[in-house]
Amino acid sequence: DANLEIRGSVATNPEDGSKILRTREQTTHLWKEVAVWPHDEECSFYEFSADGKGIYVSTSLGHGQREAADTTRLVLLATLDGREVRELHHDARCDVDDVIFSDKNHTVEAV
């Protein structure tokens, strides 16, 4: 996060190969599962928003906003419940590969 504390992680479930996004409010708190991707879907965790209330991820899932896609989208998920706050970038021709963030305000500068 903005304070260089580890508050988010993506883990793989060894039983089914799904990917689990976990967050915690502070480093002393327990991890909380906020989103799950089946083994055949894509996700990448990039970083927290400046206020810590959002998580920038690339995903092939709709997160309640749309159907799953063949390519990944860059979205902001709510830290508390994994709800999609907004889509920041999607190109039906290719996946999100790299994202550049501002060091000052933790906003997306380039995809």
C-alpha atoms as a PDB file:
ATOM      1  CA  ASP A   1       0.000   0.000   0.000  1.00  0.00           C
ATOM      2  CA  ALA A   2       1.023   3.671   0.120  1.00  0.00           C
ATOM      3  CA  ASN A   3       2.792   3.027   3.452  1.00  0.00           C
ATOM      4  CA  LEU A   4       4.746   0.053   2.039  1.00  0.00           C
ATOM      5  CA  GLU A   5       2.809  -2.411   4.185  1.00  0.00           C
ATOM      6  CA  ILE A   6       1.724  -5.759   2.754  1.00  0.00           C
ATOM      7  CA  ARG A   7      -2.075  -5.645   2.814  1.00  0.00           C
ATOM      8  CA  GLY A   8      -2.950  -7.581  -0.336  1.00  0.00           C
ATOM      9  CA  SER A   9      -2.035 -10.884  -1.924  1.00  0.00           C
ATOM     10  CA  VAL A  10      -3.113 -13.354  -4.579  1.00  0.00           C
ATOM     11  CA  ALA A  11      -2.848 -16.998  -3.556  1.00  0.00           C
ATOM     12  CA  THR A  12      -3.503 -20.160  -5.544  1.00  0.00           C
ATOM     13  CA  ASN A  13      -5.830 -22.752  -4.086  1.00  0.00           C
ATOM     14  CA  PRO A  14      -3.929 -26.062  -4.423  1.00  0.00           C
ATOM     15  CA  GLU A  15      -7.172 -28.073  -4.543  1.00  0.00           C
ATOM     16  CA  ASP A  16      -8.729 -26.509  -7.645  1.00  0.00           C
ATOM     17  CA  GLY A  17      -6.158 -24.047  -9.031  1.00  0.00           C
ATOM     18  CA  SER A  18      -8.372 -21.016  -8.437  1.00  0.00           C
ATOM     19  CA  LYS A  19      -6.779 -17.677  -7.534  1.00  0.00           C
ATOM     20  CA  ILE A  20      -7.847 -15.928  -4.328  1.00  0.00           C
ATOM     21  CA  LEU A  21      -7.434 -12.179  -3.715  1.00  0.00           C
ATOM     22  CA  ARG A  22      -7.001 -11.456  -0.025  1.00  0.00           C
ATOM     23  CA  THR A  23      -6.717  -8.135   1.783  1.00  0.00           C
ATOM     24  CA  ARG A  24      -6.417  -6.900   5.336  1.00  0.00           C
ATOM     25  CA  GLU A  25      -7.027  -3.472   6.841  1.00  0.00           C
ATOM     26  CA  GLN A  26      -3.740  -3.450   8.769  1.00  0.00           C
ATOM     27  CA  THR A  27      -0.774  -5.792   8.952  1.00  0.00           C
ATOM     28  CA  THR A  28      -1.921  -6.938  12.415  1.00  0.00           C
ATOM     29  CA  HIS A  29      -5.380  -7.983  11.101  1.00  0.00           C
ATOM     30  CA  LEU A  30      -6.340 -11.340   9.624  1.00  0.00           C
ATOM     31  CA  TRP A  31      -6.533 -11.833   5.838  1.00  0.00           C
ATOM     32  CA  LYS A  32      -9.986 -11.561   4.259  1.00  0.00           C
ATOM     33  CA  GLU A  33     -10.972 -13.181   0.957  1.00  0.00           C
ATOM     34  CA  VAL A  34     -12.442 -10.525  -1.365  1.00  0.00           C
ATOM     35  CA  ALA A  35     -12.451 -12.164  -4.819  1.00  0.00           C
ATOM     36  CA  VAL A  36     -11.909 -15.590  -6.399  1.00  0.00           C
ATOM     37  CA  TRP A  37     -10.989 -16.439  -9.986  1.00  0.00           C
ATOM     38  CA  PRO A  38     -11.573 -19.986 -11.314  1.00  0.00           C
ATOM     39  CA  HIS A  39      -8.433 -21.774 -12.546  1.00  0.00           C
ATOM     40  CA  ASP A  40      -9.136 -20.864 -16.186  1.00  0.00           C
ATOM     41  CA  GLU A  41      -9.591 -17.115 -15.580  1.00  0.00           C
ATOM     42  CA  GLU A  42      -6.882 -14.461 -15.349  1.00  0.00           C
ATOM     43  CA  CYS A  43      -6.066 -11.976 -12.590  1.00  0.00           C
ATOM     44  CA  SER A  44      -3.142  -9.785 -11.583  1.00  0.00           C
ATOM     45  CA  PHE A  45      -2.981  -7.621  -8.468  1.00  0.00           C
ATOM     46  CA  TYR A  46      -1.171  -4.321  -9.111  1.00  0.00           C
ATOM     47  CA  GLU A  47      -1.567  -1.997  -6.139  1.00  0.00           C
ATOM     48  CA  PHE A  48      -3.898  -0.200  -3.754  1.00  0.00           C
ATOM     49  CA  SER A  49      -5.462   3.151  -4.512  1.00  0.00           C
ATOM     50  CA  ALA A  50      -4.035   6.126  -2.594  1.00  0.00           C
ATOM     51  CA  ASP A  51      -6.863   6.034  -0.032  1.00  0.00           C
ATOM     52  CA  GLY A  52      -6.476   2.261   0.441  1.00  0.00           C
ATOM     53  CA  LYS A  53     -10.165   1.656  -0.352  1.00  0.00           C
ATOM     54  CA  GLY A  54      -9.542   0.265  -3.840  1.00  0.00           C
ATOM     55  CA  ILE A  55      -7.384  -2.391  -5.474  1.00  0.00           C
ATOM     56  CA  TYR A  56      -6.172  -2.128  -9.067  1.00  0.00           C
ATOM     57  CA  VAL A  57      -6.362  -5.540 -10.772  1.00  0.00           C
ATOM     58  CA  SER A  58      -6.484  -6.932 -14.260  1.00  0.00           C
ATOM     59  CA  THR A  59      -9.214  -9.518 -14.633  1.00  0.00           C
ATOM     60  CA  SER A  60     -11.076 -11.574 -17.185  1.00  0.00           C
ATOM     61  CA  LEU A  61     -14.147 -11.779 -14.927  1.00  0.00           C
ATOM     62  CA  GLY A  62     -17.110  -9.410 -14.865  1.00  0.00           C
ATOM     63  CA  HIS A  63     -17.294  -8.964 -11.042  1.00  0.00           C
ATOM     64  CA  GLY A  64     -21.036  -8.391 -11.272  1.00  0.00           C
ATOM     65  CA  GLN A  65     -20.709  -5.686 -13.929  1.00  0.00           C
ATOM     66  CA  ARG A  66     -20.547  -7.757 -17.115  1.00  0.00           C
ATOM     67  CA  GLU A  67     -19.905 -11.205 -18.565  1.00  0.00           C
ATOM     68  CA  ALA A  68     -16.422 -12.702 -18.446  1.00  0.00           C
ATOM     69  CA  ALA A  69     -14.237 -11.572 -21.364  1.00  0.00           C
ATOM     70  CA  ASP A  70     -11.669 -13.272 -23.583  1.00  0.00           C
ATOM     71  CA  THR A  71      -9.178 -10.526 -22.684  1.00  0.00           C
ATOM     72  CA  THR A  72      -8.323  -8.938 -19.362  1.00  0.00           C
ATOM     73  CA  ARG A  73      -9.557  -5.547 -18.208  1.00  0.00           C
ATOM     74  CA  LEU A  74      -7.998  -3.127 -15.743  1.00  0.00           C
ATOM     75  CA  VAL A  75     -10.491  -2.447 -12.956  1.00  0.00           C
ATOM     76  CA  LEU A  76     -10.653  -0.932  -9.503  1.00  0.00           C
ATOM     77  CA  LEU A  77     -12.163  -3.312  -6.932  1.00  0.00           C
ATOM     78  CA  ALA A  78     -13.409  -2.285  -3.487  1.00  0.00           C
ATOM     79  CA  THR A  79     -10.974  -3.445  -0.807  1.00  0.00           C
ATOM     80  CA  LEU A  80     -13.748  -4.434   1.598  1.00  0.00           C
ATOM     81  CA  ASP A  81     -15.827  -6.736  -0.600  1.00  0.00           C
ATOM     82  CA  GLY A  82     -14.206  -7.111  -4.046  1.00  0.00           C
ATOM     83  CA  ARG A  83     -17.067  -5.259  -5.758  1.00  0.00           C
ATOM     84  CA  GLU A  84     -16.062  -3.649  -9.054  1.00  0.00           C
ATOM     85  CA  VAL A  85     -15.960   0.115  -8.532  1.00  0.00           C
ATOM     86  CA  ARG A  86     -15.066   0.993 -12.121  1.00  0.00           C
ATOM     87  CA  GLU A  87     -13.418  -0.223 -15.280  1.00  0.00           C
ATOM     88  CA  LEU A  88     -10.337   1.771 -16.209  1.00  0.00           C
ATOM     89  CA  HIS A  89      -9.256   0.060 -19.428  1.00  0.00           C
ATOM     90  CA  HIS A  90     -10.353  -2.704 -21.771  1.00  0.00           C
ATOM     91  CA  ASP A  91      -9.324  -3.581 -25.300  1.00  0.00           C
ATOM     92  CA  ALA A  92     -11.078  -6.599 -26.796  1.00  0.00           C
ATOM     93  CA  ARG A  93      -7.991  -7.257 -28.960  1.00  0.00           C
ATOM     94  CA  CYS A  94      -5.441  -7.867 -26.196  1.00  0.00           C
ATOM     95  CA  ASP A  95      -4.849  -8.434 -22.483  1.00  0.00           C
ATOM     96  CA  VAL A  96      -3.634  -5.827 -20.029  1.00  0.00           C
ATOM     97  CA  ASP A  97       0.093  -6.529 -19.818  1.00  0.00           C
ATOM     98  CA  ASP A  98       1.671  -3.757 -17.783  1.00  0.00           C
ATOM     99  CA  VAL A  99       0.356  -0.800 -15.802  1.00  0.00           C
ATOM    100  CA  ILE A 100       2.337   2.279 -14.803  1.00  0.00           C
ATOM    101  CA  PHE A 101       1.248   4.158 -11.687  1.00  0.00           C
ATOM    102  CA  SER A 102       2.079   7.614 -10.385  1.00  0.00           C
ATOM    103  CA  ASP A 103       4.433   7.424  -7.407  1.00  0.00           C
ATOM    104  CA  LYS A 104       2.780  10.534  -5.940  1.00  0.00           C
ATOM    105  CA  ASN A 105      -0.928   9.749  -6.011  1.00  0.00           C
ATOM    106  CA  HIS A 106      -1.125   6.041  -6.968  1.00  0.00           C
ATOM    107  CA  THR A 107      -3.270   6.664 -10.047  1.00  0.00           C
ATOM    108  CA  VAL A 108      -2.918   4.917 -13.399  1.00  0.00           C
ATOM    109  CA  GLU A 109      -0.665   6.768 -15.830  1.00  0.00           C
ATOM    110  CA  ALA A 110      -0.402   4.206 -18.645  1.00  0.00           C
ATOM    111  CA  VAL A 111      -1.599   0.726 -19.637  1.00  0.00           C
END
